[in-house]
Amino acid sequence: MESRPKPPDRTVSDPRQHESYYRGNEAYAEFLAGWDPAFYGKYTDALRPPGGRGRVLDVGCGVGQVVGALARDGVDAQGVDVSAPNIERASRVTDRCQLYDGARLPFPDRHFAAVGALNVLEHVDQPEAFLAELVRVTAPGGRVVVSSPNFRRVIGFRDYHPRMRGIRHKWENWLRLREKRREMARSPESVRFDRTPPIVKEPFEPDDDAIILTNAVELEFFLRRLGCDIEEVSCTDRRVARVLDWILNATPLRYYMFSGWVVGRRRG
């Protein structure tokens, strides 16, 4: 995420009600509208169904860039978001985005050929339930695409969040992920995403307001538990040169760098 508009600073008193910050926030809608459309390319393609046939859903659709792009290509795409200002701006692009409560998706079970959430999970109050909802509305054989920053990165540069930055934090992240993997093996029902208080500072920097320490290790774990076969785990959430992409994602080190990009296929 290169230079983007910066919304104003604010205080969140209770991280458990973090989503309420976005519901009426016009400044955040303006912030999303300033994103480079190229940022969404990989995600848009991942949601695109084979042959353009089949319904798809973008959860946390922001101001409608992805839904609009897919709709222009003839895809039956829909979007939902908790923010009324986001949906108002999305309506200028497409009529296929709607407001929802952030808890239960307003669609029947097994309804979509592909469902995705890009850089949303780190901001939701109940991340495990959020992932379960994504899978619920995905048809058997359908694709689930989830991508969030890797706040447990061990390798990286230009680390924009304190939880990623510095040798001490990277060592702590390595130890915590090792501990998490042991917990997944010994007591999988007890695994939960770790939380962090949103950071309040001036000037605002992207993802300072995250409350969930997302990472690919746990994204993959939860999608498997929810009934998905994993098709792809990557540390790159946008298009990069093919050779570079292969180098970055050829080894298990992909779990410890940059972003957590996970694509699952719901089992029948």
C-alpha atoms as a PDB file:
ATOM      1  CA  MET A   1       0.000   0.000   0.000  1.00  0.00           C
ATOM      2  CA  GLU A   2       1.852   2.981  -1.232  1.00  0.00           C
ATOM      3  CA  SER A   3       0.832   6.610  -0.772  1.00  0.00           C
ATOM      4  CA  ARG A   4      -2.875   6.768   0.034  1.00  0.00           C
ATOM      5  CA  PRO A   5      -5.165   9.330   1.619  1.00  0.00           C
ATOM      6  CA  LYS A   6      -5.040   9.222   5.409  1.00  0.00           C
ATOM      7  CA  PRO A   7      -8.248   9.366   7.444  1.00  0.00           C
ATOM      8  CA  PRO A   8      -8.215  11.366  10.659  1.00  0.00           C
ATOM      9  CA  ASP A   9      -7.103   9.884  13.944  1.00  0.00           C
ATOM     10  CA  ARG A  10      -9.701   8.664  16.442  1.00  0.00           C
ATOM     11  CA  THR A  11     -10.025   6.787  19.697  1.00  0.00           C
ATOM     12  CA  VAL A  12     -11.659   3.378  20.089  1.00  0.00           C
ATOM     13  CA  SER A  13     -12.497   2.769  23.728  1.00  0.00           C
ATOM     14  CA  ASP A  14     -13.522  -0.894  23.363  1.00  0.00           C
ATOM     15  CA  PRO A  15     -11.865  -3.091  20.719  1.00  0.00           C
ATOM     16  CA  ARG A  16     -14.772  -5.534  20.996  1.00  0.00           C
ATOM     17  CA  GLN A  17     -16.984  -2.877  19.422  1.00  0.00           C
ATOM     18  CA  HIS A  18     -14.396  -1.814  16.897  1.00  0.00           C
ATOM     19  CA  GLU A  19     -16.629  -2.325  13.863  1.00  0.00           C
ATOM     20  CA  SER A  20     -18.965   0.417  15.078  1.00  0.00           C
ATOM     21  CA  TYR A  21     -16.246   2.953  14.203  1.00  0.00           C
ATOM     22  CA  TYR A  22     -16.759   2.277  10.498  1.00  0.00           C
ATOM     23  CA  ARG A  23     -20.543   2.345  10.386  1.00  0.00           C
ATOM     24  CA  GLY A  24     -20.959   6.066   9.832  1.00  0.00           C
ATOM     25  CA  ASN A  25     -17.434   7.169   9.037  1.00  0.00           C
ATOM     26  CA  GLU A  26     -17.369   9.260   5.874  1.00  0.00           C
ATOM     27  CA  ALA A  27     -13.619   9.918   6.214  1.00  0.00           C
ATOM     28  CA  TYR A  28     -12.845   6.229   6.027  1.00  0.00           C
ATOM     29  CA  ALA A  29     -14.955   5.880   2.879  1.00  0.00           C
ATOM     30  CA  GLU A  30     -12.904   8.673   1.329  1.00  0.00           C
ATOM     31  CA  PHE A  31      -9.739   6.871   2.406  1.00  0.00           C
ATOM     32  CA  LEU A  32     -10.821   3.660   0.648  1.00  0.00           C
ATOM     33  CA  ALA A  33     -11.813   5.558  -2.479  1.00  0.00           C
ATOM     34  CA  GLY A  34      -8.199   6.725  -2.800  1.00  0.00           C
ATOM     35  CA  TRP A  35      -6.719   3.234  -3.104  1.00  0.00           C
ATOM     36  CA  ASP A  36      -4.943   2.362  -6.330  1.00  0.00           C
ATOM     37  CA  PRO A  37      -7.309   0.110  -8.355  1.00  0.00           C
ATOM     38  CA  ALA A  38      -4.345  -2.089  -9.288  1.00  0.00           C
ATOM     39  CA  PHE A  39      -4.165  -3.149  -5.632  1.00  0.00           C
ATOM     40  CA  TYR A  40      -7.352  -5.186  -6.128  1.00  0.00           C
ATOM     41  CA  GLY A  41      -6.252  -7.040  -9.278  1.00  0.00           C
ATOM     42  CA  LYS A  42      -5.165 -10.352  -7.759  1.00  0.00           C
ATOM     43  CA  TYR A  43      -8.166 -10.456  -5.437  1.00  0.00           C
ATOM     44  CA  THR A  44     -10.609  -9.624  -8.229  1.00  0.00           C
ATOM     45  CA  ASP A  45      -9.220 -12.410 -10.392  1.00  0.00           C
ATOM     46  CA  ALA A  46      -9.363 -14.887  -7.497  1.00  0.00           C
ATOM     47  CA  LEU A  47     -13.096 -14.221  -7.088  1.00  0.00           C
ATOM     48  CA  ARG A  48     -13.826 -14.491 -10.803  1.00  0.00           C
ATOM     49  CA  PRO A  49     -15.664 -17.796 -11.472  1.00  0.00           C
ATOM     50  CA  PRO A  50     -14.618 -20.012 -14.393  1.00  0.00           C
ATOM     51  CA  GLY A  51     -16.247 -18.783 -17.569  1.00  0.00           C
ATOM     52  CA  GLY A  52     -17.745 -15.866 -15.664  1.00  0.00           C
ATOM     53  CA  ARG A  53     -20.642 -18.061 -14.515  1.00  0.00           C
ATOM     54  CA  GLY A  54     -21.740 -18.198 -10.902  1.00  0.00           C
ATOM     55  CA  ARG A  55     -22.515 -15.729  -8.134  1.00  0.00           C
ATOM     56  CA  VAL A  56     -19.653 -14.155  -6.169  1.00  0.00           C
ATOM     57  CA  LEU A  57     -19.588 -12.105  -2.968  1.00  0.00           C
ATOM     58  CA  ASP A  58     -17.108  -9.488  -1.730  1.00  0.00           C
ATOM     59  CA  VAL A  59     -17.464  -9.144   2.060  1.00  0.00           C
ATOM     60  CA  GLY A  60     -16.230  -5.785   3.265  1.00  0.00           C
ATOM     61  CA  CYS A  61     -16.657  -4.444  -0.242  1.00  0.00           C
ATOM     62  CA  GLY A  62     -15.648  -0.892   0.700  1.00  0.00           C
ATOM     63  CA  VAL A  63     -16.657   1.579  -1.976  1.00  0.00           C
ATOM     64  CA  GLY A  64     -17.361  -1.080  -4.597  1.00  0.00           C
ATOM     65  CA  GLN A  65     -14.223  -1.251  -6.727  1.00  0.00           C
ATOM     66  CA  VAL A  66     -14.058  -5.057  -6.906  1.00  0.00           C
ATOM     67  CA  VAL A  67     -17.805  -5.606  -7.348  1.00  0.00           C
ATOM     68  CA  GLY A  68     -17.918  -2.924 -10.032  1.00  0.00           C
ATOM     69  CA  ALA A  69     -14.991  -4.432 -11.936  1.00  0.00           C
ATOM     70  CA  LEU A  70     -16.510  -7.909 -11.881  1.00  0.00           C
ATOM     71  CA  ALA A  71     -19.965  -6.645 -12.844  1.00  0.00           C
ATOM     72  CA  ARG A  72     -18.518  -4.796 -15.835  1.00  0.00           C
ATOM     73  CA  ASP A  73     -17.152  -8.149 -16.997  1.00  0.00           C
ATOM     74  CA  GLY A  74     -20.595  -9.730 -16.756  1.00  0.00           C
ATOM     75  CA  VAL A  75     -20.042 -11.539 -13.448  1.00  0.00           C
ATOM     76  CA  ASP A  76     -22.984 -11.793 -11.031  1.00  0.00           C
ATOM     77  CA  ALA A  77     -21.092 -10.056  -8.219  1.00  0.00           C
ATOM     78  CA  GLN A  78     -22.477  -8.669  -4.974  1.00  0.00           C
ATOM     79  CA  GLY A  79     -20.927  -6.896  -2.019  1.00  0.00           C
ATOM     80  CA  VAL A  80     -21.702  -6.145   1.615  1.00  0.00           C
ATOM     81  CA  ASP A  81     -20.162  -3.728   4.088  1.00  0.00           C
ATOM     82  CA  VAL A  82     -20.929  -2.436   7.590  1.00  0.00           C
ATOM     83  CA  SER A  83     -20.316   1.187   6.588  1.00  0.00           C
ATOM     84  CA  ALA A  84     -23.202   3.279   5.299  1.00  0.00           C
ATOM     85  CA  PRO A  85     -20.834   5.870   3.746  1.00  0.00           C
ATOM     86  CA  ASN A  86     -18.991   3.065   1.954  1.00  0.00           C
ATOM     87  CA  ILE A  87     -22.222   1.718   0.498  1.00  0.00           C
ATOM     88  CA  GLU A  88     -23.333   5.214  -0.524  1.00  0.00           C
ATOM     89  CA  ARG A  89     -20.083   5.659  -2.457  1.00  0.00           C
ATOM     90  CA  ALA A  90     -20.322   2.149  -3.872  1.00  0.00           C
ATOM     91  CA  SER A  91     -23.770   3.003  -5.249  1.00  0.00           C
ATOM     92  CA  ARG A  92     -22.048   5.460  -7.598  1.00  0.00           C
ATOM     93  CA  VAL A  93     -20.174   2.521  -9.110  1.00  0.00           C
ATOM     94  CA  THR A  94     -22.673  -0.342  -8.863  1.00  0.00           C
ATOM     95  CA  ASP A  95     -26.110  -1.129  -7.449  1.00  0.00           C
ATOM     96  CA  ARG A  96     -24.954  -4.531  -6.212  1.00  0.00           C
ATOM     97  CA  CYS A  97     -23.559  -3.538  -2.812  1.00  0.00           C
ATOM     98  CA  GLN A  98     -25.624  -3.449   0.362  1.00  0.00           C
ATOM     99  CA  LEU A  99     -25.293  -2.673   4.051  1.00  0.00           C
ATOM    100  CA  TYR A 100     -25.203  -5.540   6.548  1.00  0.00           C
ATOM    101  CA  ASP A 101     -24.824  -5.898  10.301  1.00  0.00           C
ATOM    102  CA  GLY A 102     -21.307  -7.384  10.314  1.00  0.00           C
ATOM    103  CA  ALA A 103     -22.511 -10.559  12.020  1.00  0.00           C
ATOM    104  CA  ARG A 104     -24.670 -12.669   9.708  1.00  0.00           C
ATOM    105  CA  LEU A 105     -24.420 -12.423   5.943  1.00  0.00           C
ATOM    106  CA  PRO A 106     -27.880 -11.765   4.428  1.00  0.00           C
ATOM    107  CA  PHE A 107     -27.752 -14.748   2.081  1.00  0.00           C
ATOM    108  CA  PRO A 108     -28.790 -18.409   2.253  1.00  0.00           C
ATOM    109  CA  ASP A 109     -26.391 -21.269   2.821  1.00  0.00           C
ATOM    110  CA  ARG A 110     -24.265 -22.436  -0.124  1.00  0.00           C
ATOM    111  CA  HIS A 111     -25.317 -19.513  -2.292  1.00  0.00           C
ATOM    112  CA  PHE A 112     -22.088 -18.327  -3.963  1.00  0.00           C
ATOM    113  CA  ALA A 113     -19.491 -19.864  -6.242  1.00  0.00           C
ATOM    114  CA  ALA A 114     -16.817 -17.643  -4.658  1.00  0.00           C
ATOM    115  CA  VAL A 115     -16.695 -15.541  -1.492  1.00  0.00           C
ATOM    116  CA  GLY A 116     -13.860 -13.300  -0.372  1.00  0.00           C
ATOM    117  CA  ALA A 117     -12.702 -10.746   2.166  1.00  0.00           C
ATOM    118  CA  LEU A 118      -9.656  -8.577   1.466  1.00  0.00           C
ATOM    119  CA  ASN A 119      -8.044  -6.778   4.422  1.00  0.00           C
ATOM    120  CA  VAL A 120     -11.208  -7.072   6.513  1.00  0.00           C
ATOM    121  CA  LEU A 121     -10.594  -9.823   9.061  1.00  0.00           C
ATOM    122  CA  GLU A 122      -8.093  -7.782  11.087  1.00  0.00           C
ATOM    123  CA  HIS A 123     -10.854  -5.252  11.842  1.00  0.00           C
ATOM    124  CA  VAL A 124     -13.772  -7.492  12.877  1.00  0.00           C
ATOM    125  CA  ASP A 125     -14.952  -8.123  16.417  1.00  0.00           C
ATOM    126  CA  GLN A 126     -15.462 -11.884  16.035  1.00  0.00           C
ATOM    127  CA  PRO A 127     -12.950 -13.171  13.448  1.00  0.00           C
ATOM    128  CA  GLU A 128     -13.639 -16.887  13.907  1.00  0.00           C
ATOM    129  CA  ALA A 129     -17.385 -16.385  13.421  1.00  0.00           C
ATOM    130  CA  PHE A 130     -16.670 -14.112  10.445  1.00  0.00           C
ATOM    131  CA  LEU A 131     -14.746 -16.876   8.677  1.00  0.00           C
ATOM    132  CA  ALA A 132     -17.519 -19.357   9.445  1.00  0.00           C
ATOM    133  CA  GLU A 133     -19.998 -17.032   7.733  1.00  0.00           C
ATOM    134  CA  LEU A 134     -17.825 -16.826   4.619  1.00  0.00           C
ATOM    135  CA  VAL A 135     -17.792 -20.601   4.361  1.00  0.00           C
ATOM    136  CA  ARG A 136     -21.514 -20.938   5.175  1.00  0.00           C
ATOM    137  CA  VAL A 137     -22.612 -18.975   2.107  1.00  0.00           C
ATOM    138  CA  THR A 138     -20.096 -20.694  -0.209  1.00  0.00           C
ATOM    139  CA  ALA A 139     -21.394 -23.547  -2.332  1.00  0.00           C
ATOM    140  CA  PRO A 140     -19.683 -26.960  -2.186  1.00  0.00           C
ATOM    141  CA  GLY A 141     -16.765 -26.759  -4.576  1.00  0.00           C
ATOM    142  CA  GLY A 142     -16.807 -22.971  -4.274  1.00  0.00           C
ATOM    143  CA  ARG A 143     -13.808 -20.827  -3.491  1.00  0.00           C
ATOM    144  CA  VAL A 144     -13.127 -18.873  -0.291  1.00  0.00           C
ATOM    145  CA  VAL A 145     -10.506 -16.122  -0.581  1.00  0.00           C
ATOM    146  CA  VAL A 146      -9.215 -14.422   2.573  1.00  0.00           C
ATOM    147  CA  SER A 147      -6.318 -12.006   2.756  1.00  0.00           C
ATOM    148  CA  SER A 148      -5.077  -9.885   5.651  1.00  0.00           C
ATOM    149  CA  PRO A 149      -1.778  -8.373   6.744  1.00  0.00           C
ATOM    150  CA  ASN A 150       0.599 -10.771   8.451  1.00  0.00           C
ATOM    151  CA  PHE A 151       0.961  -9.189  11.866  1.00  0.00           C
ATOM    152  CA  ARG A 152       3.044 -12.203  12.935  1.00  0.00           C
ATOM    153  CA  ARG A 153       5.644 -11.706  10.245  1.00  0.00           C
ATOM    154  CA  VAL A 154       9.159 -12.805  11.078  1.00  0.00           C
ATOM    155  CA  ILE A 155      10.797 -11.688   7.830  1.00  0.00           C
ATOM    156  CA  GLY A 156      10.076  -8.351   6.271  1.00  0.00           C
ATOM    157  CA  PHE A 157      10.974  -4.772   5.563  1.00  0.00           C
ATOM    158  CA  ARG A 158       8.989  -1.536   5.513  1.00  0.00           C
ATOM    159  CA  ASP A 159       7.100  -2.949   8.501  1.00  0.00           C
ATOM    160  CA  TYR A 160       4.284  -0.475   9.042  1.00  0.00           C
ATOM    161  CA  HIS A 161       2.893  -1.852  12.313  1.00  0.00           C
ATOM    162  CA  PRO A 162       4.791  -2.075  15.635  1.00  0.00           C
ATOM    163  CA  ARG A 163       3.826  -5.747  15.998  1.00  0.00           C
ATOM    164  CA  MET A 164       5.911  -6.457  12.884  1.00  0.00           C
ATOM    165  CA  ARG A 165       8.800  -4.109  13.510  1.00  0.00           C
ATOM    166  CA  GLY A 166      12.214  -4.788  14.984  1.00  0.00           C
ATOM    167  CA  ILE A 167      14.211  -7.889  15.892  1.00  0.00           C
ATOM    168  CA  ARG A 168      12.506  -8.301  19.275  1.00  0.00           C
ATOM    169  CA  HIS A 169       9.003  -8.349  17.800  1.00  0.00           C
ATOM    170  CA  LYS A 170      10.045 -10.679  14.993  1.00  0.00           C
ATOM    171  CA  TRP A 171      11.515 -13.106  17.515  1.00  0.00           C
ATOM    172  CA  GLU A 172       8.344 -12.887  19.609  1.00  0.00           C
ATOM    173  CA  ASN A 173       6.271 -13.539  16.480  1.00  0.00           C
ATOM    174  CA  TRP A 174       8.345 -16.623  15.672  1.00  0.00           C
ATOM    175  CA  LEU A 175       7.849 -17.977  19.184  1.00  0.00           C
ATOM    176  CA  ARG A 176       4.128 -17.217  19.170  1.00  0.00           C
ATOM    177  CA  LEU A 177       3.527 -18.943  15.841  1.00  0.00           C
ATOM    178  CA  ARG A 178       5.477 -21.967  17.059  1.00  0.00           C
ATOM    179  CA  GLU A 179       3.285 -22.007  20.166  1.00  0.00           C
ATOM    180  CA  LYS A 180       0.169 -21.656  18.021  1.00  0.00           C
ATOM    181  CA  ARG A 181       1.143 -24.619  15.864  1.00  0.00           C
ATOM    182  CA  ARG A 182       1.561 -26.750  18.999  1.00  0.00           C
ATOM    183  CA  GLU A 183      -1.857 -25.642  20.215  1.00  0.00           C
ATOM    184  CA  MET A 184      -3.390 -26.541  16.836  1.00  0.00           C
ATOM    185  CA  ALA A 185      -1.976 -30.059  17.172  1.00  0.00           C
ATOM    186  CA  ARG A 186      -2.817 -30.614  20.852  1.00  0.00           C
ATOM    187  CA  SER A 187      -6.002 -28.624  21.411  1.00  0.00           C
ATOM    188  CA  PRO A 188      -7.426 -27.333  18.122  1.00  0.00           C
ATOM    189  CA  GLU A 189     -10.786 -26.366  19.643  1.00  0.00           C
ATOM    190  CA  SER A 190      -9.079 -23.789  21.876  1.00  0.00           C
ATOM    191  CA  VAL A 191      -7.308 -21.874  19.086  1.00  0.00           C
ATOM    192  CA  ARG A 192      -8.352 -18.238  18.692  1.00  0.00           C
ATOM    193  CA  PHE A 193      -6.790 -15.285  16.916  1.00  0.00           C
ATOM    194  CA  ASP A 194      -4.764 -13.030  19.187  1.00  0.00           C
ATOM    195  CA  ARG A 195      -6.053  -9.493  19.719  1.00  0.00           C
ATOM    196  CA  THR A 196      -4.346  -6.138  19.990  1.00  0.00           C
ATOM    197  CA  PRO A 197      -5.674  -2.706  20.971  1.00  0.00           C
ATOM    198  CA  PRO A 198      -6.052  -0.296  18.046  1.00  0.00           C
ATOM    199  CA  ILE A 199      -3.219   2.202  17.917  1.00  0.00           C
ATOM    200  CA  VAL A 200      -4.108   5.869  18.193  1.00  0.00           C
ATOM    201  CA  LYS A 201      -1.473   8.223  16.871  1.00  0.00           C
ATOM    202  CA  GLU A 202      -0.899  11.083  14.484  1.00  0.00           C
ATOM    203  CA  PRO A 203      -0.451  10.820  11.580  1.00  0.00           C
ATOM    204  CA  PHE A 204      -2.530   7.744  10.785  1.00  0.00           C
ATOM    205  CA  GLU A 205      -0.762   4.843   9.119  1.00  0.00           C
ATOM    206  CA  PRO A 206      -2.505   1.947   7.331  1.00  0.00           C
ATOM    207  CA  ASP A 207      -3.621  -0.917   9.584  1.00  0.00           C
ATOM    208  CA  ASP A 208      -2.771   0.854  12.836  1.00  0.00           C
ATOM    209  CA  ASP A 209      -6.447   0.417  13.678  1.00  0.00           C
ATOM    210  CA  ALA A 210      -6.344  -3.390  13.441  1.00  0.00           C
ATOM    211  CA  ILE A 211      -7.568  -5.349  16.463  1.00  0.00           C
ATOM    212  CA  ILE A 212      -6.839  -8.927  15.261  1.00  0.00           C
ATOM    213  CA  LEU A 213      -3.300 -10.202  14.719  1.00  0.00           C
ATOM    214  CA  THR A 214      -4.014 -12.017  11.466  1.00  0.00           C
ATOM    215  CA  ASN A 215      -1.536 -14.389   9.829  1.00  0.00           C
ATOM    216  CA  ALA A 216      -1.507 -17.143   7.215  1.00  0.00           C
ATOM    217  CA  VAL A 217      -0.886 -19.940   9.723  1.00  0.00           C
ATOM    218  CA  GLU A 218      -4.184 -19.353  11.482  1.00  0.00           C
ATOM    219  CA  LEU A 219      -6.105 -18.427   8.329  1.00  0.00           C
ATOM    220  CA  GLU A 220      -5.220 -21.793   6.836  1.00  0.00           C
ATOM    221  CA  PHE A 221      -6.016 -23.598  10.092  1.00  0.00           C
ATOM    222  CA  PHE A 222      -9.497 -22.106  10.438  1.00  0.00           C
ATOM    223  CA  LEU A 223     -10.458 -22.611   6.795  1.00  0.00           C
ATOM    224  CA  ARG A 224      -9.464 -26.272   7.072  1.00  0.00           C
ATOM    225  CA  ARG A 225     -11.502 -26.667  10.266  1.00  0.00           C
ATOM    226  CA  LEU A 226     -14.474 -25.046   8.544  1.00  0.00           C
ATOM    227  CA  GLY A 227     -14.448 -27.633   5.774  1.00  0.00           C
ATOM    228  CA  CYS A 228     -12.163 -26.245   3.082  1.00  0.00           C
ATOM    229  CA  ASP A 229      -9.313 -27.807   1.160  1.00  0.00           C
ATOM    230  CA  ILE A 230      -6.481 -25.298   0.817  1.00  0.00           C
ATOM    231  CA  GLU A 231      -5.514 -24.394  -2.727  1.00  0.00           C
ATOM    232  CA  GLU A 232      -3.033 -21.602  -2.102  1.00  0.00           C
ATOM    233  CA  VAL A 233      -1.119 -19.962   0.716  1.00  0.00           C
ATOM    234  CA  SER A 234       0.876 -16.920  -0.287  1.00  0.00           C
ATOM    235  CA  CYS A 235       2.598 -13.924   1.278  1.00  0.00           C
ATOM    236  CA  THR A 236       1.704 -11.724  -1.705  1.00  0.00           C
ATOM    237  CA  ASP A 237      -1.762 -10.162  -1.831  1.00  0.00           C
ATOM    238  CA  ARG A 238      -1.252  -8.335  -5.117  1.00  0.00           C
ATOM    239  CA  ARG A 239       0.296  -8.988  -8.484  1.00  0.00           C
ATOM    240  CA  VAL A 240       4.082  -9.024  -8.596  1.00  0.00           C
ATOM    241  CA  ALA A 241       6.527 -10.271 -11.220  1.00  0.00           C
ATOM    242  CA  ARG A 242       6.028 -14.006 -11.743  1.00  0.00           C
ATOM    243  CA  VAL A 243       9.606 -14.950 -10.897  1.00  0.00           C
ATOM    244  CA  LEU A 244       9.574 -12.853  -7.728  1.00  0.00           C
ATOM    245  CA  ASP A 245       6.225 -14.312  -6.718  1.00  0.00           C
ATOM    246  CA  TRP A 246       7.601 -17.834  -7.124  1.00  0.00           C
ATOM    247  CA  ILE A 247      10.719 -17.035  -5.082  1.00  0.00           C
ATOM    248  CA  LEU A 248       8.703 -15.498  -2.240  1.00  0.00           C
ATOM    249  CA  ASN A 249       6.198 -18.349  -2.060  1.00  0.00           C
ATOM    250  CA  ALA A 250       8.246 -21.434  -2.953  1.00  0.00           C
ATOM    251  CA  THR A 251       9.017 -22.415   0.646  1.00  0.00           C
ATOM    252  CA  PRO A 252       7.277 -22.436   4.066  1.00  0.00           C
ATOM    253  CA  LEU A 253       8.863 -19.032   4.660  1.00  0.00           C
ATOM    254  CA  ARG A 254       5.756 -17.640   2.947  1.00  0.00           C
ATOM    255  CA  TYR A 255       3.956 -18.083   6.283  1.00  0.00           C
ATOM    256  CA  TYR A 256       6.324 -15.611   7.924  1.00  0.00           C
ATOM    257  CA  MET A 257       6.416 -12.720   5.452  1.00  0.00           C
ATOM    258  CA  PHE A 258       4.301  -9.776   4.324  1.00  0.00           C
ATOM    259  CA  SER A 259       0.629 -10.786   3.980  1.00  0.00           C
ATOM    260  CA  GLY A 260      -1.520 -13.797   4.711  1.00  0.00           C
ATOM    261  CA  TRP A 261      -3.273 -14.754   1.442  1.00  0.00           C
ATOM    262  CA  VAL A 262      -5.187 -18.033   1.677  1.00  0.00           C
ATOM    263  CA  VAL A 263      -7.531 -19.594  -0.888  1.00  0.00           C
ATOM    264  CA  GLY A 264      -9.709 -22.535   0.099  1.00  0.00           C
ATOM    265  CA  ARG A 265     -12.209 -24.731  -1.728  1.00  0.00           C
ATOM    266  CA  ARG A 266     -15.262 -25.781   0.249  1.00  0.00           C
ATOM    267  CA  ARG A 267     -15.631 -29.523   0.439  1.00  0.00           C
ATOM    268  CA  GLY A 268     -18.901 -31.131  -0.593  1.00  0.00           C
END
